[in-house]
mmCIF file of all heavy atoms, coordinates in Angstrom:
data_MODEL
# 
_entry.id   MODEL 
# 
loop_
_atom_site.group_PDB 
_atom_site.id 
_atom_site.type_symbol 
_atom_site.label_atom_id 
_atom_site.label_alt_id 
_atom_site.label_comp_id 
_atom_site.label_asym_id 
_atom_site.label_entity_id 
_atom_site.label_seq_id 
_atom_site.pdbx_PDB_ins_code 
_atom_site.Cartn_x 
_atom_site.Cartn_y 
_atom_site.Cartn_z 
_atom_site.occupancy 
_atom_site.B_iso_or_equiv 
_atom_site.pdbx_formal_charge 
_atom_site.auth_seq_id 
_atom_site.auth_comp_id 
_atom_site.auth_asym_id 
_atom_site.auth_atom_id 
_atom_site.pdbx_PDB_model_num 
ATOM 1   N N   . THR A 1 1  ? 0.838   -1.179 0.000   1.00 0.00 ? 1  THR A N   1 
ATOM 2   C CA  . THR A 1 1  ? 0.000   0.000  0.000   1.00 0.00 ? 1  THR A CA  1 
ATOM 3   C C   . THR A 1 1  ? 0.883   1.242  0.000   1.00 0.00 ? 1  THR A C   1 
ATOM 4   O O   . THR A 1 1  ? 2.095   1.160  0.240   1.00 0.00 ? 1  THR A O   1 
ATOM 5   C CB  . THR A 1 1  ? -0.894  0.035  1.247   1.00 0.00 ? 1  THR A CB  1 
ATOM 6   O OG1 . THR A 1 1  ? -0.051  0.140  2.415   1.00 0.00 ? 1  THR A OG1 1 
ATOM 7   C CG2 . THR A 1 1  ? -1.738  -1.228 1.347   1.00 0.00 ? 1  THR A CG2 1 
ATOM 8   N N   . ALA A 1 2  ? 0.258   2.389  -0.229  1.00 0.00 ? 2  ALA A N   1 
ATOM 9   C CA  . ALA A 1 2  ? 0.997   3.650  -0.165  1.00 0.00 ? 2  ALA A CA  1 
ATOM 10  C C   . ALA A 1 2  ? 1.551   3.865  1.240   1.00 0.00 ? 2  ALA A C   1 
ATOM 11  O O   . ALA A 1 2  ? 2.664   4.390  1.410   1.00 0.00 ? 2  ALA A O   1 
ATOM 12  C CB  . ALA A 1 2  ? 0.091   4.804  -0.578  1.00 0.00 ? 2  ALA A CB  1 
ATOM 13  N N   . GLU A 1 3  ? 0.800   3.450  2.244   1.00 0.00 ? 3  GLU A N   1 
ATOM 14  C CA  . GLU A 1 3  ? 1.260   3.598  3.629   1.00 0.00 ? 3  GLU A CA  1 
ATOM 15  C C   . GLU A 1 3  ? 2.486   2.733  3.890   1.00 0.00 ? 3  GLU A C   1 
ATOM 16  O O   . GLU A 1 3  ? 3.425   3.161  4.584   1.00 0.00 ? 3  GLU A O   1 
ATOM 17  C CB  . GLU A 1 3  ? 0.136   3.225  4.592   1.00 0.00 ? 3  GLU A CB  1 
ATOM 18  C CG  . GLU A 1 3  ? -1.045  4.194  4.614   1.00 0.00 ? 3  GLU A CG  1 
ATOM 19  C CD  . GLU A 1 3  ? -1.945  4.072  3.393   1.00 0.00 ? 3  GLU A CD  1 
ATOM 20  O OE1 . GLU A 1 3  ? -1.888  3.013  2.710   1.00 0.00 ? 3  GLU A OE1 1 
ATOM 21  O OE2 . GLU A 1 3  ? -2.695  5.029  3.118   1.00 0.00 ? 3  GLU A OE2 1 
ATOM 22  N N   . GLN A 1 4  ? 2.502   1.525  3.342   1.00 0.00 ? 4  GLN A N   1 
ATOM 23  C CA  . GLN A 1 4  ? 3.671   0.661  3.527   1.00 0.00 ? 4  GLN A CA  1 
ATOM 24  C C   . GLN A 1 4  ? 4.894   1.212  2.799   1.00 0.00 ? 4  GLN A C   1 
ATOM 25  O O   . GLN A 1 4  ? 6.016   1.077  3.285   1.00 0.00 ? 4  GLN A O   1 
ATOM 26  C CB  . GLN A 1 4  ? 3.347   -0.753 3.060   1.00 0.00 ? 4  GLN A CB  1 
ATOM 27  C CG  . GLN A 1 4  ? 2.438   -1.498 4.027   1.00 0.00 ? 4  GLN A CG  1 
ATOM 28  C CD  . GLN A 1 4  ? 1.948   -2.811 3.467   1.00 0.00 ? 4  GLN A CD  1 
ATOM 29  O OE1 . GLN A 1 4  ? 1.645   -2.925 2.280   1.00 0.00 ? 4  GLN A OE1 1 
ATOM 30  N NE2 . GLN A 1 4  ? 1.838   -3.818 4.317   1.00 0.00 ? 4  GLN A NE2 1 
ATOM 31  N N   . LEU A 1 5  ? 4.681   1.823  1.656   1.00 0.00 ? 5  LEU A N   1 
ATOM 32  C CA  . LEU A 1 5  ? 5.795   2.476  0.971   1.00 0.00 ? 5  LEU A CA  1 
ATOM 33  C C   . LEU A 1 5  ? 6.382   3.577  1.854   1.00 0.00 ? 5  LEU A C   1 
ATOM 34  O O   . LEU A 1 5  ? 7.611   3.697  1.980   1.00 0.00 ? 5  LEU A O   1 
ATOM 35  C CB  . LEU A 1 5  ? 5.336   3.044  -0.368  1.00 0.00 ? 5  LEU A CB  1 
ATOM 36  C CG  . LEU A 1 5  ? 6.358   3.898  -1.131  1.00 0.00 ? 5  LEU A CG  1 
ATOM 37  C CD1 . LEU A 1 5  ? 7.647   3.134  -1.397  1.00 0.00 ? 5  LEU A CD1 1 
ATOM 38  C CD2 . LEU A 1 5  ? 5.751   4.393  -2.447  1.00 0.00 ? 5  LEU A CD2 1 
ATOM 39  N N   . GLU A 1 6  ? 5.530   4.371  2.468   1.00 0.00 ? 6  GLU A N   1 
ATOM 40  C CA  . GLU A 1 6  ? 5.996   5.430  3.363   1.00 0.00 ? 6  GLU A CA  1 
ATOM 41  C C   . GLU A 1 6  ? 6.784   4.836  4.523   1.00 0.00 ? 6  GLU A C   1 
ATOM 42  O O   . GLU A 1 6  ? 7.843   5.356  4.905   1.00 0.00 ? 6  GLU A O   1 
ATOM 43  C CB  . GLU A 1 6  ? 4.806   6.226  3.889   1.00 0.00 ? 6  GLU A CB  1 
ATOM 44  C CG  . GLU A 1 6  ? 4.088   7.062  2.853   1.00 0.00 ? 6  GLU A CG  1 
ATOM 45  C CD  . GLU A 1 6  ? 4.907   8.260  2.402   1.00 0.00 ? 6  GLU A CD  1 
ATOM 46  O OE1 . GLU A 1 6  ? 5.879   8.610  3.109   1.00 0.00 ? 6  GLU A OE1 1 
ATOM 47  O OE2 . GLU A 1 6  ? 4.594   8.819  1.343   1.00 0.00 ? 6  GLU A OE2 1 
ATOM 48  N N   . THR A 1 7  ? 6.270   3.761  5.098   1.00 0.00 ? 7  THR A N   1 
ATOM 49  C CA  . THR A 1 7  ? 6.969   3.102  6.204   1.00 0.00 ? 7  THR A CA  1 
ATOM 50  C C   . THR A 1 7  ? 8.333   2.608  5.766   1.00 0.00 ? 7  THR A C   1 
ATOM 51  O O   . THR A 1 7  ? 9.344   2.790  6.469   1.00 0.00 ? 7  THR A O   1 
ATOM 52  C CB  . THR A 1 7  ? 6.131   1.916  6.726   1.00 0.00 ? 7  THR A CB  1 
ATOM 53  O OG1 . THR A 1 7  ? 4.897   2.411  7.254   1.00 0.00 ? 7  THR A OG1 1 
ATOM 54  C CG2 . THR A 1 7  ? 6.870   1.152  7.813   1.00 0.00 ? 7  THR A CG2 1 
ATOM 55  N N   . ALA A 1 8  ? 8.384   1.975  4.595   1.00 0.00 ? 8  ALA A N   1 
ATOM 56  C CA  . ALA A 1 8  ? 9.647   1.425  4.092   1.00 0.00 ? 8  ALA A CA  1 
ATOM 57  C C   . ALA A 1 8  ? 10.680  2.515  3.858   1.00 0.00 ? 8  ALA A C   1 
ATOM 58  O O   . ALA A 1 8  ? 11.874  2.334  4.156   1.00 0.00 ? 8  ALA A O   1 
ATOM 59  C CB  . ALA A 1 8  ? 9.393   0.650  2.806   1.00 0.00 ? 8  ALA A CB  1 
ATOM 60  N N   . LEU A 1 9  ? 10.241  3.644  3.328   1.00 0.00 ? 9  LEU A N   1 
ATOM 61  C CA  . LEU A 1 9  ? 11.176  4.732  3.023   1.00 0.00 ? 9  LEU A CA  1 
ATOM 62  C C   . LEU A 1 9  ? 11.806  5.321  4.276   1.00 0.00 ? 9  LEU A C   1 
ATOM 63  O O   . LEU A 1 9  ? 12.873  5.951  4.206   1.00 0.00 ? 9  LEU A O   1 
ATOM 64  C CB  . LEU A 1 9  ? 10.464  5.822  2.229   1.00 0.00 ? 9  LEU A CB  1 
ATOM 65  C CG  . LEU A 1 9  ? 10.155  5.463  0.771   1.00 0.00 ? 9  LEU A CG  1 
ATOM 66  C CD1 . LEU A 1 9  ? 9.181   6.459  0.161   1.00 0.00 ? 9  LEU A CD1 1 
ATOM 67  C CD2 . LEU A 1 9  ? 11.439  5.404  -0.045  1.00 0.00 ? 9  LEU A CD2 1 
ATOM 68  N N   . LYS A 1 10 ? 11.185  5.119  5.425   1.00 0.00 ? 10 LYS A N   1 
ATOM 69  C CA  . LYS A 1 10 ? 11.771  5.568  6.689   1.00 0.00 ? 10 LYS A CA  1 
ATOM 70  C C   . LYS A 1 10 ? 12.858  4.614  7.170   1.00 0.00 ? 10 LYS A C   1 
ATOM 71  O O   . LYS A 1 10 ? 13.642  4.955  8.064   1.00 0.00 ? 10 LYS A O   1 
ATOM 72  C CB  . LYS A 1 10 ? 10.678  5.706  7.750   1.00 0.00 ? 10 LYS A CB  1 
ATOM 73  C CG  . LYS A 1 10 ? 9.657   6.792  7.440   1.00 0.00 ? 10 LYS A CG  1 
ATOM 74  C CD  . LYS A 1 10 ? 8.532   6.798  8.473   1.00 0.00 ? 10 LYS A CD  1 
ATOM 75  C CE  . LYS A 1 10 ? 7.483   7.851  8.113   1.00 0.00 ? 10 LYS A CE  1 
ATOM 76  N NZ  . LYS A 1 10 ? 6.335   7.831  9.059   1.00 0.00 ? 10 LYS A NZ  1 
ATOM 77  N N   . ILE A 1 11 ? 12.872  3.415  6.586   1.00 0.00 ? 11 ILE A N   1 
ATOM 78  C CA  . ILE A 1 11 ? 13.844  2.395  6.988   1.00 0.00 ? 11 ILE A CA  1 
ATOM 79  C C   . ILE A 1 11 ? 15.020  2.343  6.034   1.00 0.00 ? 11 ILE A C   1 
ATOM 80  O O   . ILE A 1 11 ? 16.185  2.235  6.443   1.00 0.00 ? 11 ILE A O   1 
ATOM 81  C CB  . ILE A 1 11 ? 13.158  1.010  7.060   1.00 0.00 ? 11 ILE A CB  1 
ATOM 82  C CG1 . ILE A 1 11 ? 12.061  1.020  8.130   1.00 0.00 ? 11 ILE A CG1 1 
ATOM 83  C CG2 . ILE A 1 11 ? 14.168  -0.105 7.333   1.00 0.00 ? 11 ILE A CG2 1 
ATOM 84  C CD1 . ILE A 1 11 ? 11.200  -0.231 8.143   1.00 0.00 ? 11 ILE A CD1 1 
ATOM 85  N N   . THR A 1 12 ? 14.735  2.438  4.715   1.00 0.00 ? 12 THR A N   1 
ATOM 86  C CA  . THR A 1 12 ? 15.785  2.259  3.705   1.00 0.00 ? 12 THR A CA  1 
ATOM 87  C C   . THR A 1 12 ? 15.336  2.874  2.385   1.00 0.00 ? 12 THR A C   1 
ATOM 88  O O   . THR A 1 12 ? 14.126  2.991  2.133   1.00 0.00 ? 12 THR A O   1 
ATOM 89  C CB  . THR A 1 12 ? 16.067  0.760  3.495   1.00 0.00 ? 12 THR A CB  1 
ATOM 90  O OG1 . THR A 1 12 ? 17.194  0.601  2.633   1.00 0.00 ? 12 THR A OG1 1 
ATOM 91  C CG2 . THR A 1 12 ? 14.882  0.030  2.921   1.00 0.00 ? 12 THR A CG2 1 
ATOM 92  N N   . PRO A 1 13 ? 16.259  3.262  1.525   1.00 0.00 ? 13 PRO A N   1 
ATOM 93  C CA  . PRO A 1 13 ? 15.855  3.716  0.188   1.00 0.00 ? 13 PRO A CA  1 
ATOM 94  C C   . PRO A 1 13 ? 15.157  2.589  -0.573  1.00 0.00 ? 13 PRO A C   1 
ATOM 95  O O   . PRO A 1 13 ? 15.554  1.429  -0.494  1.00 0.00 ? 13 PRO A O   1 
ATOM 96  C CB  . PRO A 1 13 ? 17.189  4.086  -0.475  1.00 0.00 ? 13 PRO A CB  1 
ATOM 97  C CG  . PRO A 1 13 ? 18.105  4.405  0.665   1.00 0.00 ? 13 PRO A CG  1 
ATOM 98  C CD  . PRO A 1 13 ? 17.707  3.464  1.768   1.00 0.00 ? 13 PRO A CD  1 
ATOM 99  N N   . ILE A 1 14 ? 14.110  2.933  -1.294  1.00 0.00 ? 14 ILE A N   1 
ATOM 100 C CA  . ILE A 1 14 ? 13.366  1.986  -2.117  1.00 0.00 ? 14 ILE A CA  1 
ATOM 101 C C   . ILE A 1 14 ? 13.562  2.381  -3.576  1.00 0.00 ? 14 ILE A C   1 
ATOM 102 O O   . ILE A 1 14 ? 13.382  3.549  -3.942  1.00 0.00 ? 14 ILE A O   1 
ATOM 103 C CB  . ILE A 1 14 ? 11.873  1.985  -1.754  1.00 0.00 ? 14 ILE A CB  1 
ATOM 104 C CG1 . ILE A 1 14 ? 11.678  1.521  -0.306  1.00 0.00 ? 14 ILE A CG1 1 
ATOM 105 C CG2 . ILE A 1 14 ? 11.077  1.107  -2.710  1.00 0.00 ? 14 ILE A CG2 1 
ATOM 106 C CD1 . ILE A 1 14 ? 12.156  0.106  -0.019  1.00 0.00 ? 14 ILE A CD1 1 
ATOM 107 N N   . ALA A 1 15 ? 13.923  1.402  -4.408  1.00 0.00 ? 15 ALA A N   1 
ATOM 108 C CA  . ALA A 1 15 ? 14.271  1.698  -5.801  1.00 0.00 ? 15 ALA A CA  1 
ATOM 109 C C   . ALA A 1 15 ? 13.094  1.573  -6.753  1.00 0.00 ? 15 ALA A C   1 
ATOM 110 O O   . ALA A 1 15 ? 13.106  2.186  -7.831  1.00 0.00 ? 15 ALA A O   1 
ATOM 111 C CB  . ALA A 1 15 ? 15.402  0.781  -6.269  1.00 0.00 ? 15 ALA A CB  1 
ATOM 112 N N   . ALA A 1 16 ? 12.068  0.776  -6.406  1.00 0.00 ? 16 ALA A N   1 
ATOM 113 C CA  . ALA A 1 16 ? 10.939  0.549  -7.320  1.00 0.00 ? 16 ALA A CA  1 
ATOM 114 C C   . ALA A 1 16 ? 9.801   -0.103 -6.558  1.00 0.00 ? 16 ALA A C   1 
ATOM 115 O O   . ALA A 1 16 ? 10.003  -0.674 -5.472  1.00 0.00 ? 16 ALA A O   1 
ATOM 116 C CB  . ALA A 1 16 ? 11.359  -0.339 -8.487  1.00 0.00 ? 16 ALA A CB  1 
ATOM 117 N N   . VAL A 1 17 ? 8.606   -0.025 -7.129  1.00 0.00 ? 17 VAL A N   1 
ATOM 118 C CA  . VAL A 1 17 ? 7.433   -0.686 -6.561  1.00 0.00 ? 17 VAL A CA  1 
ATOM 119 C C   . VAL A 1 17 ? 6.752   -1.473 -7.671  1.00 0.00 ? 17 VAL A C   1 
ATOM 120 O O   . VAL A 1 17 ? 6.462   -0.941 -8.741  1.00 0.00 ? 17 VAL A O   1 
ATOM 121 C CB  . VAL A 1 17 ? 6.433   0.323  -5.956  1.00 0.00 ? 17 VAL A CB  1 
ATOM 122 C CG1 . VAL A 1 17 ? 5.200   -0.414 -5.441  1.00 0.00 ? 17 VAL A CG1 1 
ATOM 123 C CG2 . VAL A 1 17 ? 7.086   1.112  -4.830  1.00 0.00 ? 17 VAL A CG2 1 
ATOM 124 N N   . GLU A 1 18 ? 6.502   -2.745 -7.409  1.00 0.00 ? 18 GLU A N   1 
ATOM 125 C CA  . GLU A 1 18 ? 5.806   -3.616 -8.368  1.00 0.00 ? 18 GLU A CA  1 
ATOM 126 C C   . GLU A 1 18 ? 4.444   -3.977 -7.788  1.00 0.00 ? 18 GLU A C   1 
ATOM 127 O O   . GLU A 1 18 ? 4.363   -4.712 -6.812  1.00 0.00 ? 18 GLU A O   1 
ATOM 128 C CB  . GLU A 1 18 ? 6.631   -4.876 -8.645  1.00 0.00 ? 18 GLU A CB  1 
ATOM 129 C CG  . GLU A 1 18 ? 5.994   -5.795 -9.656  1.00 0.00 ? 18 GLU A CG  1 
ATOM 130 C CD  . GLU A 1 18 ? 6.887   -6.982 -10.015 1.00 0.00 ? 18 GLU A CD  1 
ATOM 131 O OE1 . GLU A 1 18 ? 8.118   -6.878 -9.866  1.00 0.00 ? 18 GLU A OE1 1 
ATOM 132 O OE2 . GLU A 1 18 ? 6.336   -8.011 -10.431 1.00 0.00 ? 18 GLU A OE2 1 
ATOM 133 N N   . ASN A 1 19 ? 3.399   -3.427 -8.382  1.00 0.00 ? 19 ASN A N   1 
ATOM 134 C CA  . ASN A 1 19 ? 2.046   -3.613 -7.850  1.00 0.00 ? 19 ASN A CA  1 
ATOM 135 C C   . ASN A 1 19 ? 1.070   -3.921 -8.965  1.00 0.00 ? 19 ASN A C   1 
ATOM 136 O O   . ASN A 1 19 ? 1.300   -3.574 -10.128 1.00 0.00 ? 19 ASN A O   1 
ATOM 137 C CB  . ASN A 1 19 ? 1.581   -2.336 -7.142  1.00 0.00 ? 19 ASN A CB  1 
ATOM 138 C CG  . ASN A 1 19 ? 1.765   -2.394 -5.637  1.00 0.00 ? 19 ASN A CG  1 
ATOM 139 O OD1 . ASN A 1 19 ? 2.728   -2.966 -5.132  1.00 0.00 ? 19 ASN A OD1 1 
ATOM 140 N ND2 . ASN A 1 19 ? 0.848   -1.785 -4.904  1.00 0.00 ? 19 ASN A ND2 1 
ATOM 141 N N   . VAL A 1 20 ? -0.042  -4.526 -8.588  1.00 0.00 ? 20 VAL A N   1 
ATOM 142 C CA  . VAL A 1 20 ? -1.103  -4.755 -9.559  1.00 0.00 ? 20 VAL A CA  1 
ATOM 143 C C   . VAL A 1 20 ? -1.648  -3.416 -10.036 1.00 0.00 ? 20 VAL A C   1 
ATOM 144 O O   . VAL A 1 20 ? -1.745  -2.458 -9.265  1.00 0.00 ? 20 VAL A O   1 
ATOM 145 C CB  . VAL A 1 20 ? -2.226  -5.622 -8.946  1.00 0.00 ? 20 VAL A CB  1 
ATOM 146 C CG1 . VAL A 1 20 ? -2.915  -4.899 -7.795  1.00 0.00 ? 20 VAL A CG1 1 
ATOM 147 C CG2 . VAL A 1 20 ? -3.232  -6.027 -9.995  1.00 0.00 ? 20 VAL A CG2 1 
ATOM 148 N N   . TYR A 1 21 ? -1.944  -3.352 -11.330 1.00 0.00 ? 21 TYR A N   1 
ATOM 149 C CA  . TYR A 1 21 ? -2.545  -2.137 -11.883 1.00 0.00 ? 21 TYR A CA  1 
ATOM 150 C C   . TYR A 1 21 ? -3.374  -2.537 -13.088 1.00 0.00 ? 21 TYR A C   1 
ATOM 151 O O   . TYR A 1 21 ? -2.844  -3.043 -14.082 1.00 0.00 ? 21 TYR A O   1 
ATOM 152 C CB  . TYR A 1 21 ? -1.485  -1.125 -12.297 1.00 0.00 ? 21 TYR A CB  1 
ATOM 153 C CG  . TYR A 1 21 ? -2.086  0.222  -12.659 1.00 0.00 ? 21 TYR A CG  1 
ATOM 154 C CD1 . TYR A 1 21 ? -2.338  1.167  -11.672 1.00 0.00 ? 21 TYR A CD1 1 
ATOM 155 C CD2 . TYR A 1 21 ? -2.425  0.527  -13.972 1.00 0.00 ? 21 TYR A CD2 1 
ATOM 156 C CE1 . TYR A 1 21 ? -2.906  2.393  -11.982 1.00 0.00 ? 21 TYR A CE1 1 
ATOM 157 C CE2 . TYR A 1 21 ? -2.996  1.745  -14.294 1.00 0.00 ? 21 TYR A CE2 1 
ATOM 158 C CZ  . TYR A 1 21 ? -3.232  2.676  -13.292 1.00 0.00 ? 21 TYR A CZ  1 
ATOM 159 O OH  . TYR A 1 21 ? -3.802  3.882  -13.613 1.00 0.00 ? 21 TYR A OH  1 
ATOM 160 N N   . ASN A 1 22 ? -4.681  -2.299 -12.989 1.00 0.00 ? 22 ASN A N   1 
ATOM 161 C CA  . ASN A 1 22 ? -5.585  -2.628 -14.078 1.00 0.00 ? 22 ASN A CA  1 
ATOM 162 C C   . ASN A 1 22 ? -6.107  -1.350 -14.711 1.00 0.00 ? 22 ASN A C   1 
ATOM 163 O O   . ASN A 1 22 ? -6.884  -0.624 -14.085 1.00 0.00 ? 22 ASN A O   1 
ATOM 164 C CB  . ASN A 1 22 ? -6.767  -3.473 -13.576 1.00 0.00 ? 22 ASN A CB  1 
ATOM 165 C CG  . ASN A 1 22 ? -6.335  -4.876 -13.219 1.00 0.00 ? 22 ASN A CG  1 
ATOM 166 O OD1 . ASN A 1 22 ? -5.456  -5.439 -13.867 1.00 0.00 ? 22 ASN A OD1 1 
ATOM 167 N ND2 . ASN A 1 22 ? -6.935  -5.445 -12.199 1.00 0.00 ? 22 ASN A ND2 1 
ATOM 168 N N   . PRO A 1 23 ? -5.687  -1.030 -15.918 1.00 0.00 ? 23 PRO A N   1 
ATOM 169 C CA  . PRO A 1 23 ? -6.176  0.178  -16.584 1.00 0.00 ? 23 PRO A CA  1 
ATOM 170 C C   . PRO A 1 23 ? -7.693  0.212  -16.634 1.00 0.00 ? 23 PRO A C   1 
ATOM 171 O O   . PRO A 1 23 ? -8.344  -0.764 -16.976 1.00 0.00 ? 23 PRO A O   1 
ATOM 172 C CB  . PRO A 1 23 ? -5.580  0.056  -17.989 1.00 0.00 ? 23 PRO A CB  1 
ATOM 173 C CG  . PRO A 1 23 ? -4.367  -0.792 -17.808 1.00 0.00 ? 23 PRO A CG  1 
ATOM 174 C CD  . PRO A 1 23 ? -4.731  -1.769 -16.736 1.00 0.00 ? 23 PRO A CD  1 
ATOM 175 N N   . GLY A 1 24 ? -8.236  1.346  -16.275 1.00 0.00 ? 24 GLY A N   1 
ATOM 176 C CA  . GLY A 1 24 ? -9.679  1.509  -16.306 1.00 0.00 ? 24 GLY A CA  1 
ATOM 177 C C   . GLY A 1 24 ? -10.380 1.088  -15.039 1.00 0.00 ? 24 GLY A C   1 
ATOM 178 O O   . GLY A 1 24 ? -11.565 1.378  -14.853 1.00 0.00 ? 24 GLY A O   1 
ATOM 179 N N   . ALA A 1 25 ? -9.667  0.383  -14.131 1.00 0.00 ? 25 ALA A N   1 
ATOM 180 C CA  . ALA A 1 25 ? -10.308 -0.070 -12.894 1.00 0.00 ? 25 ALA A CA  1 
ATOM 181 C C   . ALA A 1 25 ? -10.521 1.076  -11.914 1.00 0.00 ? 25 ALA A C   1 
ATOM 182 O O   . ALA A 1 25 ? -11.434 1.046  -11.101 1.00 0.00 ? 25 ALA A O   1 
ATOM 183 C CB  . ALA A 1 25 ? -9.469  -1.164 -12.242 1.00 0.00 ? 25 ALA A CB  1 
ATOM 184 N N   . ASN A 1 26 ? -9.653  2.090  -11.980 1.00 0.00 ? 26 ASN A N   1 
ATOM 185 C CA  . ASN A 1 26 ? -9.763  3.258  -11.104 1.00 0.00 ? 26 ASN A CA  1 
ATOM 186 C C   . ASN A 1 26 ? -9.826  2.861  -9.633  1.00 0.00 ? 26 ASN A C   1 
ATOM 187 O O   . ASN A 1 26 ? -10.631 3.396  -8.862  1.00 0.00 ? 26 ASN A O   1 
ATOM 188 C CB  . ASN A 1 26 ? -10.985 4.106  -11.476 1.00 0.00 ? 26 ASN A CB  1 
ATOM 189 C CG  . ASN A 1 26 ? -10.832 4.758  -12.843 1.00 0.00 ? 26 ASN A CG  1 
ATOM 190 O OD1 . ASN A 1 26 ? -9.737  5.176  -13.215 1.00 0.00 ? 26 ASN A OD1 1 
ATOM 191 N ND2 . ASN A 1 26 ? -11.927 4.833  -13.588 1.00 0.00 ? 26 ASN A ND2 1 
ATOM 192 N N   . ASP A 1 27 ? -8.999  1.914  -9.227  1.00 0.00 ? 27 ASP A N   1 
ATOM 193 C CA  . ASP A 1 27 ? -8.946  1.482  -7.835  1.00 0.00 ? 27 ASP A CA  1 
ATOM 194 C C   . ASP A 1 27 ? -8.181  2.533  -7.028  1.00 0.00 ? 27 ASP A C   1 
ATOM 195 O O   . ASP A 1 27 ? -6.996  2.760  -7.282  1.00 0.00 ? 27 ASP A O   1 
ATOM 196 C CB  . ASP A 1 27 ? -8.250  0.122  -7.746  1.00 0.00 ? 27 ASP A CB  1 
ATOM 197 C CG  . ASP A 1 27 ? -8.310  -0.467 -6.358  1.00 0.00 ? 27 ASP A CG  1 
ATOM 198 O OD1 . ASP A 1 27 ? -7.918  0.228  -5.399  1.00 0.00 ? 27 ASP A OD1 1 
ATOM 199 O OD2 . ASP A 1 27 ? -8.725  -1.630 -6.218  1.00 0.00 ? 27 ASP A OD2 1 
# 
């Protein structure tokens, strides 16, 4: 989640995020 990304960035640099993304789903 976006919140977990924020948490991770407080611990270490993050180089990329691989997540599900469905065009048109507008999740």
